[in-house]
Amino acid sequence: MELSINNRNIELTPRLQSYVEKKTGRLDRYMPNLVGVRVDLSSEQTRSSVERQVAQITVRDNRGTILRAEERNSDIFAAVDAVVDKLYRQIQRYRGKRKRRWRAGNQAEDFVGEPLPFEEEIDEDVDPAIVRVKRFAMRPMSPDEAVDQIELLGHDFFVFFNTEDNGVNVLYRRRDQNYGLLQPELD
């Protein structure tokens, strides 16, 4: 298991580093196929001092499954404790889903794709700009696996390469808590 500790606006003392290593060192017992753990520690300027220290952990297994958790606290050690606890709960959920799916025979559900609703009015005086570009590795997966990923990450949408139609798809959470699947086609 490869451990990477990154810090931003916070000093990574030997005590903090060994604390993070000790806390994350047990993760591979619960997720045996773990290949990488990335810990991001930062201090942010906020009005309230309660949530200034941020700890985020991202783990990846050899199948490409990604679990991510983030916690904030006034103390960085408390934030690390909280984020590790949150990650353990995510690992339990992930393992439980894999067992249930294996027992159920991995039956696929129907996904209905529909356009995202557009709610906000555009302020015509402001020219929108792309403020961030993010590149990421994409692992081919089924829509069922994408549902697992979106739930584990806690995101509202998930971009993935669909093995069923050999194309890039977007899975998104609908207001009724179901999922929609966008399957782009060229004109």
N, C-alpha and C. Protein backbone atom coordinates (compact mmCIF):
# COMPACT_ATOMS: atom_id res chain seq x y z
N MET A 1 0.85 -1.17 0.00
CA MET A 1 0.00 0.00 0.00
C MET A 1 0.89 1.24 0.00
N GLU A 2 0.66 2.12 -0.95
CA GLU A 2 1.43 3.36 -1.06
C GLU A 2 0.69 4.48 -0.34
N LEU A 3 1.39 5.15 0.59
CA LEU A 3 0.80 6.24 1.36
C LEU A 3 1.43 7.55 0.93
N SER A 4 0.59 8.52 0.61
CA SER A 4 1.05 9.85 0.22
C SER A 4 0.37 10.87 1.13
N ILE A 5 1.18 11.68 1.82
CA ILE A 5 0.63 12.71 2.71
C ILE A 5 0.99 14.07 2.13
N ASN A 6 -0.02 14.86 1.82
CA ASN A 6 0.17 16.19 1.26
C ASN A 6 -0.34 17.22 2.26
N ASN A 7 0.38 18.33 2.38
CA ASN A 7 -0.06 19.38 3.29
C ASN A 7 -0.10 20.72 2.56
N ARG A 8 -1.08 21.53 2.95
CA ARG A 8 -1.22 22.87 2.38
C ARG A 8 -1.59 23.83 3.50
N ASN A 9 -0.79 24.86 3.68
CA ASN A 9 -1.01 25.87 4.72
C ASN A 9 -0.99 25.29 6.13
N ILE A 10 -0.32 24.16 6.30
CA ILE A 10 -0.20 23.54 7.61
C ILE A 10 1.14 22.83 7.67
N GLU A 11 1.79 22.90 8.81
CA GLU A 11 3.10 22.26 8.95
C GLU A 11 2.91 20.77 9.24
N LEU A 12 3.60 19.95 8.47
CA LEU A 12 3.55 18.50 8.66
C LEU A 12 4.67 18.11 9.63
N THR A 13 4.36 18.14 10.90
CA THR A 13 5.35 17.81 11.92
C THR A 13 5.56 16.30 11.95
N PRO A 14 6.70 15.84 12.46
CA PRO A 14 6.91 14.39 12.57
C PRO A 14 5.82 13.71 13.40
N ARG A 15 5.33 14.38 14.43
CA ARG A 15 4.25 13.83 15.26
C ARG A 15 2.97 13.65 14.44
N LEU A 16 2.62 14.66 13.65
CA LEU A 16 1.42 14.58 12.81
C LEU A 16 1.59 13.51 11.75
N GLN A 17 2.76 13.44 11.14
CA GLN A 17 3.00 12.44 10.10
C GLN A 17 2.89 11.02 10.67
N SER A 18 3.49 10.77 11.82
CA SER A 18 3.41 9.43 12.40
C SER A 18 1.98 9.11 12.84
N TYR A 19 1.23 10.12 13.29
CA TYR A 19 -0.16 9.91 13.68
C TYR A 19 -1.00 9.50 12.47
N VAL A 20 -0.81 10.19 11.35
CA VAL A 20 -1.54 9.86 10.13
C VAL A 20 -1.15 8.47 9.64
N GLU A 21 0.15 8.16 9.67
CA GLU A 21 0.61 6.83 9.23
C GLU A 21 0.01 5.73 10.10
N LYS A 22 -0.05 5.97 11.42
CA LYS A 22 -0.62 4.98 12.33
C LYS A 22 -2.11 4.78 12.05
N LYS A 23 -2.84 5.87 11.88
CA LYS A 23 -4.29 5.79 11.66
C LYS A 23 -4.63 5.15 10.31
N THR A 24 -3.88 5.45 9.27
CA THR A 24 -4.19 4.91 7.95
C THR A 24 -3.54 3.55 7.71
N GLY A 25 -2.60 3.17 8.57
CA GLY A 25 -1.90 1.90 8.40
C GLY A 25 -2.79 0.69 8.54
N ARG A 26 -3.91 0.84 9.20
CA ARG A 26 -4.83 -0.28 9.42
C ARG A 26 -5.86 -0.43 8.30
N LEU A 27 -5.89 0.50 7.38
CA LEU A 27 -6.92 0.46 6.34
C LEU A 27 -6.83 -0.79 5.48
N ASP A 28 -5.60 -1.26 5.20
CA ASP A 28 -5.48 -2.41 4.31
C ASP A 28 -5.97 -3.71 4.96
N ARG A 29 -6.18 -3.71 6.27
CA ARG A 29 -6.79 -4.88 6.91
C ARG A 29 -8.25 -5.02 6.50
N TYR A 30 -8.91 -3.90 6.31
CA TYR A 30 -10.34 -3.91 6.01
C TYR A 30 -10.62 -3.84 4.52
N MET A 31 -9.65 -3.40 3.77
CA MET A 31 -9.77 -3.33 2.31
C MET A 31 -8.48 -3.94 1.75
N PRO A 32 -8.42 -5.28 1.66
CA PRO A 32 -7.15 -5.95 1.37
C PRO A 32 -6.55 -5.65 0.00
N ASN A 33 -7.32 -5.23 -0.96
CA ASN A 33 -6.80 -4.95 -2.30
C ASN A 33 -6.35 -3.51 -2.45
N LEU A 34 -6.11 -2.84 -1.36
CA LEU A 34 -5.74 -1.43 -1.36
C LEU A 34 -4.38 -1.23 -2.02
N VAL A 35 -4.30 -0.28 -2.97
CA VAL A 35 -3.02 0.01 -3.61
C VAL A 35 -2.51 1.40 -3.28
N GLY A 36 -3.38 2.33 -2.96
CA GLY A 36 -2.92 3.68 -2.68
C GLY A 36 -3.81 4.43 -1.70
N VAL A 37 -3.17 5.19 -0.83
CA VAL A 37 -3.89 6.05 0.12
C VAL A 37 -3.28 7.44 0.01
N ARG A 38 -4.13 8.43 -0.24
CA ARG A 38 -3.66 9.81 -0.32
C ARG A 38 -4.34 10.59 0.79
N VAL A 39 -3.53 11.25 1.61
CA VAL A 39 -4.05 12.06 2.71
C VAL A 39 -3.71 13.51 2.42
N ASP A 40 -4.71 14.36 2.38
CA ASP A 40 -4.52 15.79 2.17
C ASP A 40 -4.90 16.52 3.46
N LEU A 41 -3.94 17.24 4.02
CA LEU A 41 -4.17 18.02 5.23
C LEU A 41 -4.02 19.48 4.88
N SER A 42 -4.96 20.30 5.32
CA SER A 42 -4.87 21.72 5.00
C SER A 42 -5.49 22.55 6.11
N SER A 43 -5.12 23.80 6.10
CA SER A 43 -5.70 24.77 7.02
C SER A 43 -6.29 25.88 6.16
N GLU A 44 -7.57 26.16 6.35
CA GLU A 44 -8.26 27.16 5.54
C GLU A 44 -8.67 28.33 6.41
N GLN A 45 -8.65 29.50 5.83
CA GLN A 45 -9.09 30.69 6.54
C GLN A 45 -10.61 30.77 6.45
N THR A 46 -11.27 30.62 7.58
CA THR A 46 -12.73 30.71 7.64
C THR A 46 -13.10 31.69 8.74
N ARG A 47 -14.33 32.15 8.69
CA ARG A 47 -14.79 33.07 9.74
C ARG A 47 -14.82 32.38 11.09
N SER A 48 -15.23 31.13 11.07
CA SER A 48 -15.29 30.36 12.30
C SER A 48 -14.03 29.51 12.42
N SER A 49 -13.44 29.51 13.59
CA SER A 49 -12.23 28.71 13.79
C SER A 49 -12.55 27.23 13.99
N VAL A 50 -13.83 26.91 14.07
CA VAL A 50 -14.24 25.54 14.35
C VAL A 50 -13.87 24.59 13.21
N GLU A 51 -13.97 25.04 11.98
CA GLU A 51 -13.75 24.14 10.84
C GLU A 51 -12.56 24.57 9.99
N ARG A 52 -11.50 25.04 10.59
CA ARG A 52 -10.34 25.50 9.82
C ARG A 52 -9.44 24.37 9.35
N GLN A 53 -9.29 23.34 10.16
CA GLN A 53 -8.38 22.23 9.82
C GLN A 53 -9.16 21.19 9.02
N VAL A 54 -8.63 20.84 7.84
CA VAL A 54 -9.32 19.93 6.94
C VAL A 54 -8.44 18.70 6.70
N ALA A 55 -9.04 17.52 6.84
CA ALA A 55 -8.37 16.26 6.53
C ALA A 55 -9.21 15.52 5.50
N GLN A 56 -8.57 15.15 4.40
CA GLN A 56 -9.26 14.40 3.35
C GLN A 56 -8.42 13.17 3.03
N ILE A 57 -9.08 12.01 2.93
CA ILE A 57 -8.39 10.77 2.59
C ILE A 57 -9.06 10.17 1.37
N THR A 58 -8.24 9.79 0.40
CA THR A 58 -8.71 9.12 -0.81
C THR A 58 -7.99 7.78 -0.89
N VAL A 59 -8.75 6.69 -1.01
CA VAL A 59 -8.15 5.36 -1.14
C VAL A 59 -8.58 4.76 -2.47
N ARG A 60 -7.69 3.94 -3.02
CA ARG A 60 -7.95 3.29 -4.31
C ARG A 60 -7.54 1.82 -4.18
N ASP A 61 -8.40 0.93 -4.69
CA ASP A 61 -8.02 -0.48 -4.68
C ASP A 61 -7.57 -0.91 -6.07
N ASN A 62 -7.15 -2.18 -6.19
CA ASN A 62 -6.60 -2.64 -7.47
C ASN A 62 -7.66 -2.77 -8.56
N ARG A 63 -8.94 -2.67 -8.22
CA ARG A 63 -10.01 -2.68 -9.22
C ARG A 63 -10.31 -1.29 -9.74
N GLY A 64 -9.76 -0.27 -9.10
CA GLY A 64 -10.02 1.10 -9.50
C GLY A 64 -11.11 1.77 -8.68
N THR A 65 -11.64 1.07 -7.68
CA THR A 65 -12.65 1.65 -6.80
C THR A 65 -12.01 2.74 -5.96
N ILE A 66 -12.69 3.87 -5.88
CA ILE A 66 -12.17 5.01 -5.13
C ILE A 66 -13.15 5.34 -4.01
N LEU A 67 -12.61 5.48 -2.80
CA LEU A 67 -13.39 5.95 -1.66
C LEU A 67 -12.74 7.23 -1.17
N ARG A 68 -13.57 8.21 -0.85
CA ARG A 68 -13.03 9.50 -0.40
C ARG A 68 -13.87 10.01 0.75
N ALA A 69 -13.19 10.58 1.74
CA ALA A 69 -13.88 11.18 2.89
C ALA A 69 -13.15 12.45 3.28
N GLU A 70 -13.91 13.42 3.78
CA GLU A 70 -13.34 14.69 4.23
C GLU A 70 -14.02 15.10 5.52
N GLU A 71 -13.22 15.61 6.45
CA GLU A 71 -13.74 16.11 7.71
C GLU A 71 -13.02 17.39 8.09
N ARG A 72 -13.72 18.25 8.82
CA ARG A 72 -13.18 19.53 9.28
C ARG A 72 -13.32 19.61 10.79
N ASN A 73 -12.33 20.28 11.42
CA ASN A 73 -12.37 20.44 12.86
C ASN A 73 -11.42 21.57 13.23
N SER A 74 -11.49 22.02 14.47
CA SER A 74 -10.55 23.05 14.91
C SER A 74 -9.17 22.46 15.20
N ASP A 75 -9.11 21.15 15.43
CA ASP A 75 -7.85 20.45 15.70
C ASP A 75 -7.59 19.46 14.57
N ILE A 76 -6.39 19.48 13.99
CA ILE A 76 -6.08 18.62 12.86
C ILE A 76 -6.10 17.14 13.27
N PHE A 77 -5.70 16.83 14.49
CA PHE A 77 -5.71 15.44 14.95
C PHE A 77 -7.15 14.93 15.07
N ALA A 78 -8.06 15.77 15.55
CA ALA A 78 -9.47 15.39 15.63
C ALA A 78 -10.06 15.22 14.22
N ALA A 79 -9.63 16.06 13.29
CA ALA A 79 -10.09 15.94 11.91
C ALA A 79 -9.62 14.63 11.30
N VAL A 80 -8.37 14.24 11.59
CA VAL A 80 -7.84 12.96 11.08
C VAL A 80 -8.63 11.80 11.68
N ASP A 81 -8.90 11.84 12.99
CA ASP A 81 -9.70 10.79 13.62
C ASP A 81 -11.07 10.67 12.96
N ALA A 82 -11.73 11.80 12.76
CA ALA A 82 -13.08 11.80 12.20
C ALA A 82 -13.09 11.29 10.76
N VAL A 83 -12.10 11.69 9.97
CA VAL A 83 -12.09 11.27 8.56
C VAL A 83 -11.77 9.77 8.45
N VAL A 84 -10.93 9.25 9.32
CA VAL A 84 -10.63 7.81 9.30
C VAL A 84 -11.88 7.03 9.70
N ASP A 85 -12.60 7.49 10.73
CA ASP A 85 -13.85 6.82 11.12
C ASP A 85 -14.86 6.83 9.98
N LYS A 86 -14.97 7.96 9.30
CA LYS A 86 -15.90 8.07 8.17
C LYS A 86 -15.50 7.11 7.05
N LEU A 87 -14.21 6.98 6.82
CA LEU A 87 -13.72 6.08 5.77
C LEU A 87 -13.99 4.62 6.14
N TYR A 88 -13.84 4.26 7.41
CA TYR A 88 -14.16 2.90 7.84
C TYR A 88 -15.63 2.58 7.57
N ARG A 89 -16.51 3.54 7.83
CA ARG A 89 -17.94 3.32 7.55
C ARG A 89 -18.17 3.13 6.06
N GLN A 90 -17.48 3.91 5.23
CA GLN A 90 -17.62 3.76 3.78
C GLN A 90 -17.12 2.39 3.33
N ILE A 91 -16.01 1.92 3.90
CA ILE A 91 -15.48 0.60 3.54
C ILE A 91 -16.48 -0.48 3.93
N GLN A 92 -17.11 -0.36 5.10
CA GLN A 92 -18.13 -1.34 5.51
C GLN A 92 -19.29 -1.35 4.53
N ARG A 93 -19.75 -0.17 4.12
CA ARG A 93 -20.85 -0.09 3.14
C ARG A 93 -20.44 -0.73 1.83
N TYR A 94 -19.24 -0.43 1.37
CA TYR A 94 -18.73 -0.97 0.11
C TYR A 94 -18.65 -2.49 0.17
N ARG A 95 -18.10 -3.02 1.24
CA ARG A 95 -17.98 -4.47 1.37
C ARG A 95 -19.35 -5.13 1.44
N GLY A 96 -20.29 -4.50 2.15
CA GLY A 96 -21.64 -5.04 2.25
C GLY A 96 -22.34 -5.07 0.90
N LYS A 97 -22.16 -4.02 0.12
CA LYS A 97 -22.78 -3.97 -1.21
C LYS A 97 -22.19 -5.03 -2.12
N ARG A 98 -20.88 -5.21 -2.04
CA ARG A 98 -20.24 -6.23 -2.89
C ARG A 98 -20.76 -7.61 -2.52
N LYS A 99 -20.94 -7.90 -1.23
CA LYS A 99 -21.47 -9.20 -0.81
C LYS A 99 -22.90 -9.39 -1.29
N ARG A 100 -23.73 -8.35 -1.10
CA ARG A 100 -25.14 -8.46 -1.52
C ARG A 100 -25.24 -8.63 -3.03
N ARG A 101 -24.42 -7.90 -3.77
CA ARG A 101 -24.46 -8.01 -5.23
C ARG A 101 -24.01 -9.39 -5.67
N TRP A 102 -22.98 -9.92 -5.02
CA TRP A 102 -22.48 -11.24 -5.37
C TRP A 102 -23.54 -12.30 -5.10
N ARG A 103 -24.25 -12.16 -3.97
CA ARG A 103 -25.29 -13.12 -3.62
C ARG A 103 -26.50 -12.98 -4.55
N ALA A 104 -26.81 -11.77 -4.97
CA ALA A 104 -27.99 -11.54 -5.81
C ALA A 104 -27.72 -11.87 -7.27
N GLY A 105 -26.51 -12.15 -7.64
CA GLY A 105 -26.22 -12.49 -9.03
C GLY A 105 -26.00 -11.29 -9.91
N ASN A 106 -25.80 -10.11 -9.31
CA ASN A 106 -25.48 -8.89 -10.05
C ASN A 106 -26.50 -8.61 -11.16
N GLN A 107 -27.76 -8.49 -10.79
CA GLN A 107 -28.80 -8.17 -11.75
C GLN A 107 -28.77 -6.69 -12.07
N ALA A 108 -28.76 -6.37 -13.35
CA ALA A 108 -28.68 -4.96 -13.77
C ALA A 108 -30.06 -4.31 -13.67
N GLU A 109 -30.05 -3.03 -13.32
CA GLU A 109 -31.28 -2.25 -13.28
C GLU A 109 -31.35 -1.39 -14.54
N ASP A 110 -32.55 -0.96 -14.86
CA ASP A 110 -32.70 -0.07 -16.01
C ASP A 110 -32.42 1.35 -15.58
N PHE A 111 -31.60 2.06 -16.36
CA PHE A 111 -31.29 3.46 -16.11
C PHE A 111 -31.93 4.27 -17.22
N VAL A 112 -32.61 5.31 -16.83
CA VAL A 112 -33.26 6.17 -17.80
C VAL A 112 -32.48 7.47 -17.87
N GLY A 113 -31.98 7.81 -19.06
CA GLY A 113 -31.26 9.06 -19.21
C GLY A 113 -32.20 10.17 -19.60
N GLU A 114 -32.03 11.32 -18.99
CA GLU A 114 -32.81 12.48 -19.36
C GLU A 114 -31.97 13.71 -19.08
N PRO A 115 -32.24 14.80 -19.74
CA PRO A 115 -31.42 15.99 -19.53
C PRO A 115 -31.59 16.54 -18.12
N LEU A 116 -30.52 17.14 -17.62
CA LEU A 116 -30.58 17.78 -16.31
C LEU A 116 -31.48 19.00 -16.37
N PRO A 117 -32.32 19.22 -15.35
CA PRO A 117 -33.17 20.41 -15.37
C PRO A 117 -32.33 21.67 -15.19
N PHE A 118 -32.68 22.71 -15.92
CA PHE A 118 -31.97 23.99 -15.83
C PHE A 118 -32.84 24.93 -15.03
N GLU A 119 -32.35 25.33 -13.85
CA GLU A 119 -33.17 26.13 -12.95
C GLU A 119 -32.73 27.57 -12.85
N GLU A 120 -31.44 27.80 -12.82
CA GLU A 120 -30.94 29.13 -12.51
C GLU A 120 -31.05 30.07 -13.70
N GLU A 121 -31.36 31.30 -13.39
CA GLU A 121 -31.35 32.35 -14.41
C GLU A 121 -29.91 32.79 -14.61
N ILE A 122 -29.53 33.04 -15.83
CA ILE A 122 -28.18 33.48 -16.12
C ILE A 122 -28.12 34.99 -16.03
N ASP A 123 -27.16 35.49 -15.27
CA ASP A 123 -26.93 36.93 -15.19
C ASP A 123 -26.21 37.33 -16.47
N GLU A 124 -26.85 38.12 -17.30
CA GLU A 124 -26.31 38.42 -18.62
C GLU A 124 -25.12 39.37 -18.58
N ASP A 125 -24.88 40.01 -17.42
CA ASP A 125 -23.74 40.92 -17.32
C ASP A 125 -22.44 40.18 -17.04
N VAL A 126 -22.54 38.94 -16.61
CA VAL A 126 -21.34 38.19 -16.24
C VAL A 126 -21.05 37.15 -17.31
N ASP A 127 -19.80 37.13 -17.78
CA ASP A 127 -19.38 36.10 -18.72
C ASP A 127 -18.84 34.92 -17.92
N PRO A 128 -19.51 33.77 -18.00
CA PRO A 128 -19.00 32.62 -17.26
C PRO A 128 -17.64 32.19 -17.81
N ALA A 129 -16.81 31.68 -16.94
CA ALA A 129 -15.48 31.26 -17.35
C ALA A 129 -15.19 29.88 -16.77
N ILE A 130 -14.37 29.14 -17.45
CA ILE A 130 -13.90 27.86 -16.93
C ILE A 130 -12.82 28.19 -15.91
N VAL A 131 -13.07 27.87 -14.66
CA VAL A 131 -12.14 28.24 -13.60
C VAL A 131 -11.27 27.07 -13.15
N ARG A 132 -11.60 25.85 -13.61
CA ARG A 132 -10.80 24.70 -13.23
C ARG A 132 -10.94 23.62 -14.28
N VAL A 133 -9.84 22.99 -14.60
CA VAL A 133 -9.83 21.83 -15.49
C VAL A 133 -9.27 20.67 -14.69
N LYS A 134 -9.99 19.56 -14.68
CA LYS A 134 -9.55 18.41 -13.90
C LYS A 134 -9.43 17.20 -14.82
N ARG A 135 -8.28 16.57 -14.78
CA ARG A 135 -8.06 15.34 -15.54
C ARG A 135 -8.06 14.17 -14.57
N PHE A 136 -8.61 13.04 -15.01
CA PHE A 136 -8.65 11.88 -14.15
C PHE A 136 -8.63 10.62 -14.99
N ALA A 137 -8.13 9.55 -14.40
CA ALA A 137 -8.09 8.26 -15.08
C ALA A 137 -9.48 7.63 -15.01
N MET A 138 -9.92 7.04 -16.11
CA MET A 138 -11.23 6.44 -16.17
C MET A 138 -11.08 4.93 -16.32
N ARG A 139 -11.73 4.18 -15.46
CA ARG A 139 -11.70 2.73 -15.54
C ARG A 139 -13.02 2.27 -16.15
N PRO A 140 -13.00 1.39 -17.13
CA PRO A 140 -14.25 0.88 -17.69
C PRO A 140 -15.06 0.16 -16.60
N MET A 141 -16.36 0.43 -16.58
CA MET A 141 -17.23 -0.20 -15.58
C MET A 141 -18.66 -0.23 -16.08
N SER A 142 -19.47 -1.03 -15.42
CA SER A 142 -20.89 -1.11 -15.74
C SER A 142 -21.63 0.02 -15.01
N PRO A 143 -22.86 0.32 -15.42
CA PRO A 143 -23.65 1.32 -14.69
C PRO A 143 -23.86 0.96 -13.22
N ASP A 144 -23.98 -0.34 -12.91
CA ASP A 144 -24.11 -0.75 -11.50
C ASP A 144 -22.89 -0.37 -10.69
N GLU A 145 -21.71 -0.58 -11.26
CA GLU A 145 -20.48 -0.19 -10.57
C GLU A 145 -20.41 1.33 -10.42
N ALA A 146 -20.90 2.06 -11.41
CA ALA A 146 -20.91 3.53 -11.33
C ALA A 146 -21.83 4.00 -10.21
N VAL A 147 -22.96 3.31 -10.01
CA VAL A 147 -23.86 3.64 -8.90
C VAL A 147 -23.13 3.45 -7.58
N ASP A 148 -22.38 2.35 -7.45
CA ASP A 148 -21.60 2.13 -6.23
C ASP A 148 -20.61 3.27 -6.01
N GLN A 149 -19.93 3.69 -7.08
CA GLN A 149 -18.94 4.75 -6.97
C GLN A 149 -19.57 6.08 -6.56
N ILE A 150 -20.71 6.43 -7.17
CA ILE A 150 -21.35 7.71 -6.85
C ILE A 150 -21.81 7.72 -5.39
N GLU A 151 -22.27 6.58 -4.89
CA GLU A 151 -22.70 6.50 -3.49
C GLU A 151 -21.52 6.54 -2.54
N LEU A 152 -20.44 5.85 -2.90
CA LEU A 152 -19.27 5.83 -2.03
C LEU A 152 -18.59 7.19 -1.96
N LEU A 153 -18.56 7.89 -3.09
CA LEU A 153 -17.92 9.20 -3.12
C LEU A 153 -18.82 10.31 -2.59
N GLY A 154 -20.15 10.07 -2.61
CA GLY A 154 -21.08 11.08 -2.14
C GLY A 154 -21.27 12.22 -3.12
N HIS A 155 -21.01 11.97 -4.39
CA HIS A 155 -21.14 13.01 -5.41
C HIS A 155 -22.55 13.02 -5.99
N ASP A 156 -22.88 14.09 -6.70
CA ASP A 156 -24.17 14.19 -7.38
C ASP A 156 -24.11 13.64 -8.80
N PHE A 157 -22.90 13.52 -9.35
CA PHE A 157 -22.76 12.95 -10.68
C PHE A 157 -21.44 12.18 -10.75
N PHE A 158 -21.34 11.30 -11.76
CA PHE A 158 -20.14 10.50 -11.92
C PHE A 158 -19.94 10.23 -13.40
N VAL A 159 -18.76 10.56 -13.91
CA VAL A 159 -18.42 10.33 -15.32
C VAL A 159 -17.64 9.02 -15.40
N PHE A 160 -18.04 8.13 -16.32
CA PHE A 160 -17.36 6.84 -16.42
C PHE A 160 -17.43 6.31 -17.84
N PHE A 161 -16.56 5.34 -18.16
CA PHE A 161 -16.58 4.67 -19.45
C PHE A 161 -17.44 3.42 -19.29
N ASN A 162 -18.58 3.39 -19.98
CA ASN A 162 -19.56 2.33 -19.85
C ASN A 162 -19.15 1.12 -20.69
N THR A 163 -18.98 -0.03 -20.05
CA THR A 163 -18.58 -1.24 -20.77
C THR A 163 -19.73 -1.82 -21.60
N GLU A 164 -20.96 -1.42 -21.29
CA GLU A 164 -22.11 -1.96 -22.02
C GLU A 164 -22.31 -1.29 -23.37
N ASP A 165 -21.98 0.00 -23.47
CA ASP A 165 -22.14 0.67 -24.77
C ASP A 165 -20.83 1.25 -25.30
N ASN A 166 -19.71 0.95 -24.62
CA ASN A 166 -18.38 1.41 -25.04
C ASN A 166 -18.32 2.91 -25.28
N GLY A 167 -18.88 3.67 -24.36
CA GLY A 167 -18.85 5.12 -24.48
C GLY A 167 -18.75 5.78 -23.12
N VAL A 168 -18.43 7.07 -23.14
CA VAL A 168 -18.37 7.84 -21.91
C VAL A 168 -19.79 8.23 -21.53
N ASN A 169 -20.18 7.92 -20.30
CA ASN A 169 -21.53 8.21 -19.80
C ASN A 169 -21.42 9.06 -18.54
N VAL A 170 -22.53 9.71 -18.20
CA VAL A 170 -22.61 10.48 -16.96
C VAL A 170 -23.80 9.95 -16.16
N LEU A 171 -23.52 9.50 -14.96
CA LEU A 171 -24.56 9.05 -14.05
C LEU A 171 -24.83 10.20 -13.08
N TYR A 172 -26.09 10.54 -12.84
CA TYR A 172 -26.38 11.64 -11.93
C TYR A 172 -27.53 11.27 -11.01
N ARG A 173 -27.52 11.89 -9.83
CA ARG A 173 -28.57 11.66 -8.83
C ARG A 173 -29.72 12.62 -9.11
N ARG A 174 -30.93 12.07 -9.19
CA ARG A 174 -32.12 12.88 -9.43
C ARG A 174 -32.70 13.35 -8.10
N ARG A 175 -33.62 14.30 -8.18
CA ARG A 175 -34.25 14.82 -6.95
C ARG A 175 -35.03 13.75 -6.20
N ASP A 176 -35.57 12.77 -6.94
CA ASP A 176 -36.33 11.70 -6.28
C ASP A 176 -35.41 10.60 -5.73
N GLN A 177 -34.09 10.88 -5.68
CA GLN A 177 -33.05 9.99 -5.15
C GLN A 177 -32.79 8.77 -6.01
N ASN A 178 -33.38 8.70 -7.21
CA ASN A 178 -33.02 7.68 -8.18
C ASN A 178 -31.87 8.22 -9.01
N TYR A 179 -31.49 7.50 -10.05
CA TYR A 179 -30.36 7.92 -10.88
C TYR A 179 -30.79 8.07 -12.33
N GLY A 180 -30.14 8.98 -13.02
CA GLY A 180 -30.30 9.14 -14.45
C GLY A 180 -28.97 8.83 -15.11
N LEU A 181 -29.02 8.35 -16.33
CA LEU A 181 -27.80 8.01 -17.06
C LEU A 181 -27.81 8.76 -18.38
N LEU A 182 -26.81 9.62 -18.58
CA LEU A 182 -26.67 10.36 -19.83
C LEU A 182 -25.74 9.59 -20.75
N GLN A 183 -26.23 9.28 -21.96
CA GLN A 183 -25.43 8.57 -22.95
C GLN A 183 -25.31 9.44 -24.19
N PRO A 184 -24.21 10.20 -24.31
CA PRO A 184 -24.08 11.12 -25.44
C PRO A 184 -23.95 10.39 -26.77
N GLU A 185 -24.50 11.02 -27.81
CA GLU A 185 -24.38 10.52 -29.18
C GLU A 185 -23.92 11.65 -30.07
N LEU A 186 -23.12 11.34 -31.06
CA LEU A 186 -22.67 12.35 -32.02
C LEU A 186 -23.77 12.61 -33.03
N ASP A 187 -23.91 13.87 -33.45
CA ASP A 187 -24.91 14.22 -34.48
C ASP A 187 -24.50 13.71 -35.83
